[in-house]
């Protein structure tokens, strides 16, 4: 994990572009999973009560916030050092 963090660029614009690309990839993967589930189980299996959907959304938001806090904490500790680049 620390090697991956050290490999990240310091340029905010590059980091933003990387984040956008990863979010698009994640959205695409979610859509693929939904399509596969629809194909395998049909439309009826997709329907969940609203409270279960909200619970899953809250769980995902908490995980995302925890990951962001961890990344911020790691970034604060390594802000004085420059990331190594591999060639």
Protein backbone atom coordinates (compact mmCIF):
# COMPACT_ATOMS: atom_id res chain seq x y z
CA UNK A 1 0.00 0.00 0.00
CA UNK A 2 2.76 2.45 0.85
CA UNK A 3 4.53 1.69 -2.42
CA UNK A 4 1.34 2.54 -4.29
CA UNK A 5 1.04 5.83 -2.41
CA UNK A 6 4.67 6.71 -3.10
CA UNK A 7 4.14 6.01 -6.80
CA UNK A 8 1.37 8.63 -7.06
CA UNK A 9 2.28 11.90 -8.77
CA UNK A 10 2.35 15.15 -6.78
CA UNK A 11 0.58 17.19 -9.47
CA UNK A 12 -3.05 17.89 -8.40
CA UNK A 13 -4.30 17.98 -11.99
CA UNK A 14 -2.81 14.56 -12.72
CA UNK A 15 -4.31 13.19 -9.51
CA UNK A 16 -7.72 14.59 -10.45
CA UNK A 17 -7.51 12.98 -13.88
CA UNK A 18 -6.54 9.67 -12.31
CA UNK A 19 -9.43 9.90 -9.84
CA UNK A 20 -11.94 10.67 -12.60
CA UNK A 21 -10.66 7.73 -14.66
CA UNK A 22 -10.96 5.37 -11.69
CA UNK A 23 -14.49 6.56 -10.90
CA UNK A 24 -15.53 6.03 -14.52
CA UNK A 25 -14.01 2.56 -14.43
CA UNK A 26 -15.83 1.77 -11.19
CA UNK A 27 -19.14 3.00 -12.61
CA UNK A 28 -18.63 0.85 -15.70
CA UNK A 29 -17.84 -2.21 -13.57
CA UNK A 30 -20.97 -1.63 -11.49
CA UNK A 31 -23.01 -1.43 -14.69
CA UNK A 32 -21.47 -4.67 -15.97
CA UNK A 33 -22.33 -6.40 -12.69
CA UNK A 34 -25.92 -5.13 -12.88
CA UNK A 35 -26.22 -6.35 -16.46
CA UNK A 36 -24.87 -9.78 -15.53
CA UNK A 37 -27.21 -10.01 -12.54
CA UNK A 38 -30.17 -9.01 -14.71
CA UNK A 39 -29.19 -11.64 -17.25
CA UNK A 40 -28.70 -14.33 -14.61
CA UNK A 41 -31.59 -13.61 -12.24
CA UNK A 42 -34.00 -11.40 -14.17
CA UNK A 43 -35.51 -8.06 -13.23
CA UNK A 44 -37.42 -9.33 -10.18
CA UNK A 45 -34.23 -10.22 -8.30
CA UNK A 46 -33.01 -6.63 -8.58
CA UNK A 47 -35.79 -5.12 -6.51
CA UNK A 48 -34.81 -4.45 -2.91
CA UNK A 49 -36.71 -2.52 -0.29
CA UNK A 50 -35.68 1.13 -0.15
CA UNK A 51 -34.31 0.84 3.40
CA UNK A 52 -31.92 -1.93 2.31
CA UNK A 53 -30.71 0.18 -0.61
CA UNK A 54 -30.15 3.16 1.69
CA UNK A 55 -28.27 0.96 4.17
CA UNK A 56 -25.96 -0.29 1.43
CA UNK A 57 -25.43 3.26 0.20
CA UNK A 58 -24.60 4.45 3.71
CA UNK A 59 -22.11 1.60 4.13
CA UNK A 60 -20.42 2.47 0.84
CA UNK A 61 -20.24 6.15 1.80
CA UNK A 62 -18.65 5.26 5.15
CA UNK A 63 -16.04 3.08 3.45
CA UNK A 64 -15.28 5.85 0.96
CA UNK A 65 -14.95 8.42 3.75
CA UNK A 66 -12.64 6.12 5.71
CA UNK A 67 -10.47 5.57 2.63
CA UNK A 68 -10.34 9.31 1.98
CA UNK A 69 -9.37 10.00 5.59
CA UNK A 70 -6.64 7.36 5.40
CA UNK A 71 -5.32 8.81 2.15
CA UNK A 72 -5.34 12.28 3.68
CA UNK A 73 -3.49 11.04 6.76
CA UNK A 74 -0.91 9.31 4.60
CA UNK A 75 -0.57 12.38 2.42
CA UNK A 76 0.02 14.56 5.47
CA UNK A 77 2.87 12.33 6.64
CA UNK A 78 4.59 12.16 3.27
CA UNK A 79 3.99 15.72 2.09
CA UNK A 80 7.61 16.67 2.69
CA UNK A 81 8.97 13.86 0.53
CA UNK A 82 8.78 13.55 -3.21
CA UNK A 83 7.43 10.35 -4.71
CA UNK A 84 9.87 8.09 -6.53
CA UNK A 85 9.27 7.58 -10.21
CA UNK A 86 10.08 4.32 -11.95
CA UNK A 87 11.38 4.30 -15.47
